[in-house]
Protein backbone atom coordinates (compact mmCIF):
# COMPACT_ATOMS: atom_id res chain seq x y z
CA MET A 1 2.33 -0.76 -24.86
CA ARG A 2 0.75 0.24 -28.29
CA TYR A 3 -2.88 0.70 -26.73
CA ALA A 4 -1.98 0.81 -22.95
CA LEU A 5 -0.19 3.90 -23.25
CA PRO A 6 -2.89 5.96 -25.07
CA VAL A 7 -5.30 4.67 -22.44
CA TRP A 8 -3.05 5.73 -19.59
CA VAL A 9 -2.65 9.19 -21.22
CA ILE A 10 -6.60 9.28 -21.23
CA THR A 11 -7.18 8.03 -17.98
CA ARG A 12 -4.49 10.16 -16.30
CA ALA A 13 -5.61 13.45 -17.99
CA VAL A 14 -9.02 12.39 -16.23
CA LEU A 15 -7.78 12.13 -12.98
CA PHE A 16 -5.80 15.17 -13.04
CA LEU A 17 -8.83 17.16 -14.06
CA ALA A 18 -10.59 15.65 -11.63
CA ALA A 19 -8.16 16.16 -8.99
CA THR A 20 -7.79 20.04 -9.96
CA GLN A 21 -11.65 19.92 -9.81
CA VAL A 22 -11.79 20.94 -13.58
CA ILE A 23 -14.11 18.05 -13.48
CA PRO A 24 -16.41 18.14 -10.55
CA VAL A 25 -16.26 14.89 -8.19
CA GLY A 26 -17.77 14.36 -5.12
CA LEU A 27 -16.08 15.78 -1.61
CA ALA A 28 -13.05 17.73 -3.75
CA ASP A 29 -11.19 18.03 -0.06
CA SER A 30 -10.52 14.35 -0.40
CA PHE A 31 -8.06 15.18 -2.95
CA THR A 32 -6.49 18.59 -1.95
CA ASN A 33 -6.49 18.38 1.73
CA ASP A 34 -3.49 16.20 1.82
CA VAL A 35 -1.42 18.01 -1.01
CA ARG A 36 -2.10 20.92 0.74
CA LEU A 37 -0.58 19.17 3.97
CA TYR A 38 2.44 18.14 1.97
CA GLY A 39 2.65 21.78 1.07
CA ASP A 40 2.40 23.04 4.99
CA TRP A 41 4.83 20.65 6.22
CA SER A 42 7.40 21.28 2.76
CA THR A 43 7.76 24.97 4.16
CA VAL A 44 8.53 23.68 7.55
CA LEU A 45 11.06 21.25 5.91
CA LEU A 46 12.51 24.20 3.84
CA GLY A 47 13.10 26.14 7.41
CA GLY A 48 15.67 23.11 7.95
CA GLN A 49 13.74 21.03 10.58
CA PHE A 50 11.05 18.19 10.44
CA PRO A 51 7.64 18.97 11.94
CA GLU A 52 7.61 19.13 15.86
CA GLY A 53 4.86 17.99 17.68
CA ASP A 54 2.71 17.34 14.82
CA GLU A 55 0.53 14.29 15.30
CA LYS A 56 0.08 14.35 11.55
CA TRP A 57 3.68 13.54 11.04
CA GLN A 58 4.07 9.76 10.93
CA TYR A 59 6.84 9.32 8.23
CA PRO A 60 10.85 8.57 7.77
CA PRO A 61 12.74 11.33 7.23
CA PHE A 62 12.88 10.35 3.46
CA ALA A 63 9.18 11.48 2.89
CA ALA A 64 10.25 15.08 2.79
CA VAL A 65 11.81 14.26 -0.79
CA PRO A 66 8.62 13.51 -2.29
CA MET A 67 6.88 16.84 -0.47
CA LEU A 68 9.91 18.79 -1.38
CA ALA A 69 10.36 18.02 -4.94
CA PRO A 70 6.95 20.37 -5.84
CA HIS A 71 9.12 23.18 -5.20
CA LEU A 72 11.66 22.60 -7.88
CA LEU A 73 8.84 22.91 -10.86
CA PRO A 74 7.43 26.44 -11.85
CA TRP A 75 3.80 25.88 -11.29
CA SER A 76 1.84 25.87 -7.72
CA TYR A 77 2.77 23.42 -5.33
CA GLN A 78 -0.69 21.34 -5.91
CA ILE A 79 -0.12 21.33 -9.90
CA SER A 80 3.41 20.48 -9.28
CA PHE A 81 2.59 17.76 -7.24
CA TYR A 82 0.41 16.04 -9.53
CA VAL A 83 2.81 16.64 -12.27
CA ILE A 84 5.40 14.54 -10.36
CA ALA A 85 3.03 12.12 -9.07
CA LEU A 86 1.93 11.14 -13.00
CA LEU A 87 5.50 11.20 -14.12
CA CYS A 88 5.90 8.39 -11.06
CA ASP A 89 2.76 6.47 -12.23
CA LEU A 90 4.62 6.55 -15.79
CA ALA A 91 7.52 5.51 -14.58
CA ILE A 92 5.80 2.45 -12.80
CA LEU A 93 4.09 1.51 -16.18
CA LEU A 94 7.62 1.62 -17.99
CA LEU A 95 9.43 -0.54 -15.15
CA ILE A 96 6.10 -3.26 -15.46
CA HIS A 97 6.34 -3.11 -19.28
CA ARG A 98 10.10 -3.70 -18.96
CA PHE A 99 9.49 -6.41 -16.69
CA SER A 100 6.79 -8.40 -18.45
CA THR A 101 8.68 -8.11 -21.80
CA ARG A 102 11.40 -9.42 -20.10
CA TYR A 103 8.96 -12.71 -18.90
CA GLY A 104 7.37 -12.71 -22.32
CA THR A 105 4.08 -12.86 -20.40
CA GLY A 106 1.84 -10.61 -22.62
CA PRO A 107 0.07 -7.32 -21.88
CA ALA A 108 -1.96 -8.48 -18.71
CA ALA A 109 0.67 -6.89 -16.09
CA VAL A 110 0.41 -3.32 -18.12
CA TRP A 111 -3.38 -3.48 -18.01
CA ALA A 112 -3.65 -4.35 -14.47
CA TRP A 113 -1.61 -1.14 -13.81
CA THR A 114 -2.95 1.38 -16.33
CA ILE A 115 -6.47 0.51 -15.54
CA GLY A 116 -6.65 -1.07 -12.11
CA ALA A 117 -4.62 1.92 -10.50
CA ALA A 118 -7.06 4.09 -12.54
CA LEU A 119 -9.78 2.78 -10.67
CA LEU A 120 -8.80 4.24 -7.27
CA GLY A 121 -9.65 7.63 -8.81
CA PRO A 122 -8.05 10.83 -8.23
CA ILE A 123 -6.71 9.76 -5.02
CA LEU A 124 -3.96 7.85 -7.11
CA ILE A 125 -2.06 11.25 -7.70
CA SER A 126 -3.07 12.87 -4.90
CA ARG A 127 -0.91 11.12 -2.11
CA TYR A 128 2.97 10.65 -2.31
CA ASP A 129 2.08 6.46 -2.00
CA LEU A 130 2.83 6.68 -5.81
CA MET A 131 6.34 7.54 -5.14
CA VAL A 132 6.74 4.86 -2.55
CA THR A 133 5.43 2.53 -4.87
CA LEU A 134 7.52 3.39 -7.67
CA VAL A 135 10.78 2.32 -5.41
CA ALA A 136 8.95 -1.31 -4.39
CA VAL A 137 8.15 -1.76 -8.04
CA ALA A 138 11.86 -1.34 -8.86
CA ALA A 139 12.78 -3.17 -5.98
CA LEU A 140 10.70 -6.13 -7.42
CA THR A 141 11.98 -5.74 -11.21
CA ALA A 142 14.84 -4.08 -11.57
CA SER A 143 17.34 -6.50 -10.83
CA ARG A 144 17.38 -9.98 -9.01
CA ASP A 145 20.46 -9.29 -7.03
CA ALA A 146 19.79 -9.39 -3.19
CA TYR A 147 21.83 -6.46 -2.49
CA VAL A 148 20.45 -4.03 -4.93
CA ARG A 149 16.97 -5.38 -3.77
CA GLY A 150 17.98 -4.48 -0.27
CA ILE A 151 19.21 -0.97 -1.41
CA LEU A 152 15.96 -0.14 -2.60
CA ILE A 153 14.16 -1.83 -0.06
CA GLY A 154 15.86 0.42 2.25
CA VAL A 155 15.34 3.35 0.15
CA GLY A 156 11.72 3.08 0.38
CA LEU A 157 11.58 1.81 3.92
CA SER A 158 13.28 5.56 4.35
CA ILE A 159 10.10 7.29 2.71
CA LYS A 160 7.45 4.77 4.12
CA VAL A 161 7.87 1.65 6.20
CA TRP A 162 5.64 -0.61 4.43
CA PRO A 163 8.54 -1.77 1.69
CA VAL A 164 10.18 -3.86 4.19
CA ALA A 165 7.60 -6.49 3.65
CA LEU A 166 9.48 -7.38 0.69
CA LEU A 167 12.04 -9.06 2.45
CA VAL A 168 9.99 -11.71 3.12
CA GLY A 169 10.09 -13.38 -0.42
CA LEU A 170 14.03 -13.85 0.09
CA ARG A 171 13.94 -17.58 0.68
CA ARG A 172 17.43 -18.64 0.43
CA TRP A 173 19.27 -17.68 4.02
CA ARG A 174 21.97 -15.72 1.91
CA GLU A 175 19.73 -13.83 0.07
CA LEU A 176 17.94 -12.87 3.41
CA LEU A 177 20.82 -11.91 4.97
CA THR A 178 22.61 -9.85 2.11
CA GLY A 179 19.19 -8.12 1.21
CA ALA A 180 18.17 -7.61 4.80
CA GLY A 181 21.63 -5.98 5.65
CA ALA A 182 21.53 -3.97 2.42
CA ALA A 183 18.12 -2.38 3.31
CA LEU A 184 19.15 -1.81 7.04
CA GLY A 185 22.21 -0.01 5.68
CA ALA A 186 20.36 2.10 3.59
CA THR A 187 18.06 2.92 6.08
CA VAL A 188 20.70 3.67 8.83
CA VAL A 189 22.31 5.85 6.45
CA ALA A 190 19.31 7.64 5.21
CA CYS A 191 17.67 8.08 8.68
CA GLY A 192 21.17 8.76 10.09
CA ALA A 193 22.00 11.74 7.76
CA ALA A 194 18.53 13.46 8.29
CA ALA A 195 18.92 13.28 11.67
CA LEU A 196 22.16 14.70 11.96
CA VAL A 197 21.18 17.66 9.15
CA MET A 198 17.75 18.62 10.40
CA PRO A 199 16.34 17.99 14.13
CA HIS A 200 13.00 16.05 14.74
CA ALA A 201 13.70 13.71 11.86
CA LEU A 202 13.09 10.76 14.09
CA ASP A 203 9.94 11.89 15.72
CA PHE A 204 7.92 9.52 13.67
CA LEU A 205 8.70 6.68 15.64
CA THR A 206 6.72 7.81 18.18
CA ASN A 207 3.80 10.02 16.69
CA GLN A 208 2.02 6.89 15.60
CA GLN A 209 1.79 5.46 19.44
CA GLU A 210 -1.92 7.07 20.14
CA ARG A 211 -3.38 6.09 16.84
CA GLY A 212 -6.73 4.67 17.51
CA LEU A 213 -9.07 2.65 14.99
CA GLN A 214 -9.62 4.07 11.51
CA VAL A 215 -13.57 3.48 10.36
CA GLU A 216 -12.18 1.82 7.26
CA SER A 217 -10.01 -0.45 8.94
CA LEU A 218 -10.95 -4.37 8.82
CA ALA A 219 -11.32 -4.40 12.55
CA GLY A 220 -13.60 -1.21 12.61
CA THR A 221 -15.80 -2.79 9.91
CA PRO A 222 -18.24 -4.78 12.23
CA PHE A 223 -18.63 -1.58 14.38
CA ALA A 224 -19.21 0.84 11.34
CA LEU A 225 -22.17 -1.82 9.90
CA ALA A 226 -23.34 -2.02 13.71
CA ARG A 227 -23.42 1.53 13.95
CA ALA A 228 -25.47 2.41 10.42
CA LEU A 229 -28.00 -0.45 11.84
CA GLY A 230 -28.56 1.23 14.91
CA TRP A 231 -27.00 -1.55 17.20
CA TRP A 232 -23.80 0.47 18.50
CA GLY A 233 -23.92 3.89 19.85
CA GLY A 234 -20.45 4.94 19.58
CA PHE A 235 -19.25 7.58 16.84
CA THR A 236 -16.39 8.69 14.81
CA SER A 237 -13.79 11.08 15.41
CA TYR A 238 -11.17 13.16 13.37
CA GLN A 239 -7.75 12.30 15.49
CA HIS A 240 -4.67 11.66 14.27
CA GLY A 241 -5.15 12.67 10.68
CA ALA A 242 -7.96 9.89 10.11
CA MET A 243 -11.62 9.43 10.94
CA GLU A 244 -11.61 7.21 14.05
CA LEU A 245 -14.44 5.15 15.86
CA VAL A 246 -14.89 6.05 19.58
CA GLY A 247 -17.19 3.75 21.87
CA ASP A 248 -17.95 0.60 23.53
CA GLY A 249 -15.38 -2.04 22.37
CA ILE A 250 -13.13 0.12 20.48
CA GLU A 251 -9.93 -0.21 22.57
CA THR A 252 -10.38 -4.05 22.63
CA ALA A 253 -10.82 -4.20 18.79
CA THR A 254 -7.81 -1.62 18.49
CA GLN A 255 -5.81 -4.26 20.59
CA VAL A 256 -7.03 -7.33 18.58
CA SER A 257 -5.72 -5.52 15.59
CA VAL A 258 -2.39 -4.75 16.82
CA ILE A 259 -1.97 -8.31 18.03
CA ALA A 260 -3.30 -9.78 14.55
CA THR A 261 -0.10 -8.10 12.80
CA PRO A 262 2.42 -10.48 14.70
CA VAL A 263 0.04 -13.42 14.10
CA ALA A 264 0.03 -13.03 10.37
CA LEU A 265 3.83 -12.48 10.47
CA LEU A 266 4.03 -15.84 12.48
CA LEU A 267 1.83 -17.19 9.55
CA LEU A 268 4.26 -16.26 7.09
CA LEU A 269 7.23 -17.35 9.17
CA VAL A 270 5.65 -21.01 9.43
CA TRP A 271 5.44 -20.84 5.30
CA TRP A 272 9.08 -19.47 5.14
CA LEU A 273 10.49 -22.16 7.05
CA ARG A 274 8.47 -24.94 5.24
CA ALA A 275 8.54 -23.72 1.47
CA THR A 276 10.75 -24.62 -1.21
CA PRO A 277 11.88 -21.49 -3.51
CA THR A 278 10.20 -21.16 -6.99
CA GLU A 279 10.82 -18.84 -9.74
CA THR A 280 7.59 -17.03 -8.65
CA THR A 281 8.29 -17.09 -4.65
CA TYR A 282 9.75 -13.54 -4.01
CA TYR A 283 6.81 -11.67 -6.19
CA ASP A 284 4.03 -13.87 -4.35
CA ALA A 285 5.09 -13.51 -1.13
CA ALA A 286 5.43 -9.87 -1.40
CA PHE A 287 2.11 -9.81 -2.38
CA THR A 288 0.78 -11.82 0.44
CA THR A 289 2.70 -9.95 2.99
CA VAL A 290 1.60 -6.76 1.77
CA LEU A 291 -1.99 -7.52 1.99
CA PHE A 292 -1.40 -9.00 5.67
CA LEU A 293 -0.16 -5.72 6.44
CA VAL A 294 -2.82 -3.74 5.19
CA LEU A 295 -5.61 -5.95 6.77
CA THR A 296 -4.18 -6.09 10.03
CA SER A 297 -3.29 -2.39 10.47
CA ARG A 298 -5.21 0.00 12.89
CA VAL A 299 -5.67 2.21 9.64
CA LEU A 300 -6.57 1.55 6.18
CA SER A 301 -6.49 4.43 4.23
CA PRO A 302 -7.65 4.26 0.58
CA GLN A 303 -4.03 4.97 -0.68
CA TYR A 304 -2.78 1.62 0.82
CA LEU A 305 -4.26 0.38 -2.53
CA ILE A 306 -1.83 1.85 -4.52
CA TRP A 307 0.86 -0.17 -2.79
CA LEU A 308 -1.03 -3.67 -3.39
CA ILE A 309 -2.14 -2.65 -7.46
CA GLY A 310 1.76 -2.17 -8.05
CA ILE A 311 2.55 -5.49 -6.67
CA ALA A 312 -0.65 -7.22 -7.97
CA ALA A 313 0.87 -6.07 -11.34
CA VAL A 314 3.97 -7.53 -11.12
CA THR A 315 2.57 -10.93 -10.54
CA PHE A 316 0.62 -10.58 -13.60
CA ALA A 317 3.89 -10.43 -15.10
CA VAL A 318 5.58 -13.70 -13.89
CA HIS A 319 4.60 -17.06 -15.22
CA GLY A 320 3.01 -19.16 -12.75
CA SER A 321 2.18 -16.90 -10.44
CA SER A 322 -0.10 -17.94 -7.90
CA GLN A 323 -1.35 -14.80 -6.78
CA ARG A 324 -3.85 -13.83 -10.04
CA PRO A 325 -6.93 -14.88 -8.21
CA ALA A 326 -6.38 -12.64 -5.01
CA ALA A 327 -5.06 -10.14 -7.97
CA TRP A 328 -8.50 -10.26 -9.13
CA LEU A 329 -10.46 -9.86 -5.92
CA LEU A 330 -7.92 -6.44 -5.33
CA LEU A 331 -8.98 -4.99 -8.72
CA ALA A 332 -12.86 -5.47 -7.61
CA ALA A 333 -11.85 -3.78 -4.20
CA MET A 334 -9.82 -1.05 -6.20
CA LEU A 335 -13.25 0.12 -8.10
CA LEU A 336 -15.12 -0.06 -4.84
CA THR A 337 -12.59 1.94 -3.25
CA GLY A 338 -12.75 4.46 -6.18
CA ILE A 339 -16.58 4.98 -5.78
CA MET A 340 -16.45 5.24 -1.86
CA TYR A 341 -13.55 8.04 -2.03
CA PRO A 342 -14.95 11.02 -2.26
CA TRP A 343 -18.77 10.12 -3.69
CA VAL A 344 -19.91 8.20 -0.53
CA GLU A 345 -17.11 8.60 2.15
CA GLN A 346 -19.12 11.20 4.16
CA ASP A 347 -22.14 8.31 4.22
CA TYR A 348 -20.04 6.04 6.52
CA SER A 349 -17.12 8.01 7.74
CA TRP A 350 -19.06 11.02 9.43
CA ASP A 351 -22.74 10.07 9.31
CA GLY A 352 -22.92 6.30 9.36
CA GLU A 353 -25.46 5.89 6.58
CA LEU A 354 -26.33 2.38 5.57
CA PRO A 355 -25.76 2.36 1.99
CA GLY A 356 -22.23 3.98 2.34
CA THR A 357 -21.25 1.59 5.25
CA LEU A 358 -22.56 -1.40 2.97
CA LEU A 359 -19.99 -0.68 0.33
CA LEU A 360 -17.30 0.01 2.90
CA VAL A 361 -18.36 -3.70 4.27
CA LEU A 362 -17.95 -5.51 0.83
CA ARG A 363 -14.80 -3.53 0.06
CA ASN A 364 -13.10 -4.93 3.39
CA LEU A 365 -14.68 -8.59 2.56
CA LEU A 366 -13.09 -8.01 -1.03
CA LEU A 367 -9.72 -7.51 0.63
CA LEU A 368 -10.18 -10.04 3.43
CA ALA A 369 -11.24 -12.75 0.68
CA ALA A 370 -7.86 -11.71 -1.48
CA ALA A 371 -5.52 -12.02 2.00
CA ILE A 372 -6.92 -15.63 2.50
CA VAL A 373 -6.97 -16.51 -1.22
CA SER A 374 -3.52 -15.04 -1.53
CA PHE A 375 -1.89 -16.79 1.53
CA VAL A 376 -3.60 -20.26 0.70
CA ARG A 377 -2.06 -20.02 -3.22
CA LEU A 378 1.17 -19.24 -1.87
CA TRP A 379 1.12 -22.32 0.52
CA GLN A 380 0.25 -24.69 -2.17
CA SER A 381 2.51 -23.45 -4.76
CA SER A 382 5.39 -23.55 -2.94
CA VAL A 383 5.35 -25.81 0.10
CA PRO A 384 5.56 -29.43 -1.09
CA GLN A 385 2.97 -31.95 -0.03
CA ARG A 386 4.27 -34.90 2.22
CA ALA A 387 4.95 -37.90 0.55
CA ARG A 388 2.17 -40.43 0.06
CA ARG A 389 2.34 -43.66 2.15
CA LYS A 390 2.98 -46.24 -0.30
CA PRO A 391 0.31 -49.14 -0.20
CA VAL A 392 1.05 -52.26 1.39
CA PRO A 393 1.54 -54.92 -1.53
CA ALA A 394 -1.36 -57.73 -0.88
CA ILE A 395 0.03 -61.04 0.68
């Protein structure tokens, strides 16, 4: 931390200045639009209800917490949101430092977060995913008790759904049942209390049903490339808060993407049933599972990589983790994503220009490679090889 903390201060100061447009960068609205939307939603929340009939509201009830928190600070909503995001960022760094110190693995994990997360650019502090990642990193590092982990996972699930993936690494039946039970209990209490206090708390359960295929998604990549090459006559349209693809074949690709998620989970189930728990299994499985969820989703927004880099940094802190090769691939994808948003976002999202689209294709290929490497390494590190047949002695 001796050198990492000053580097963190410098990089985050640059991100703050870029997010507030003191340092001019690309399409500045890429950073301010979501924060402005959070501010609008917070006004509705302060009125005593969750957003009604808003297709962009797709979050569990406790998402209200990071959106309302900026009102506790004296500055404008935008500045206050960035300040809270930076505090969460720092808290993640301290959790990872504490965890790596406990394992005695050196500074790799701290640097993975300090530099790796910064590669994403101002998006890092312009989305509330940083707050969710803080809860997820706490679930991974704060305690080895399955009950405590389960409660933290339940809190994370009540803010955004993906932290439920952290249950996959609980390898023993007792741990799994304890953790899943605690997570379910925390989620029911959180969502139930919100539903009792404020109307429309559970609208998020149906608001995502009509979502289409986002241009940044893995399933959308072939169409984005075909459009840039002039082989596909479709286009992109702003729908459900994202740039979605419209045209021939998109409905089929969307269905394939939807089916891919349970197929990926089935692969993980096969692994779960055959694996033997190791010291690193919980952390490695968390990284693989979240990679699978991100890659098979109809939506692959840049902020999703915040989840991944948080878990990747944790794996760097674990002795003998199998996930370092996949984590390095993720870091390369982080860099490309930081270039894409906002520098060349318009080139592939709106105009379908070839240079920006090629950058998107390369980024998604890196993420796909990371997912494949991650699963193969997870399998090899935890599934015992079959006993080799003993040679028949010569007579």
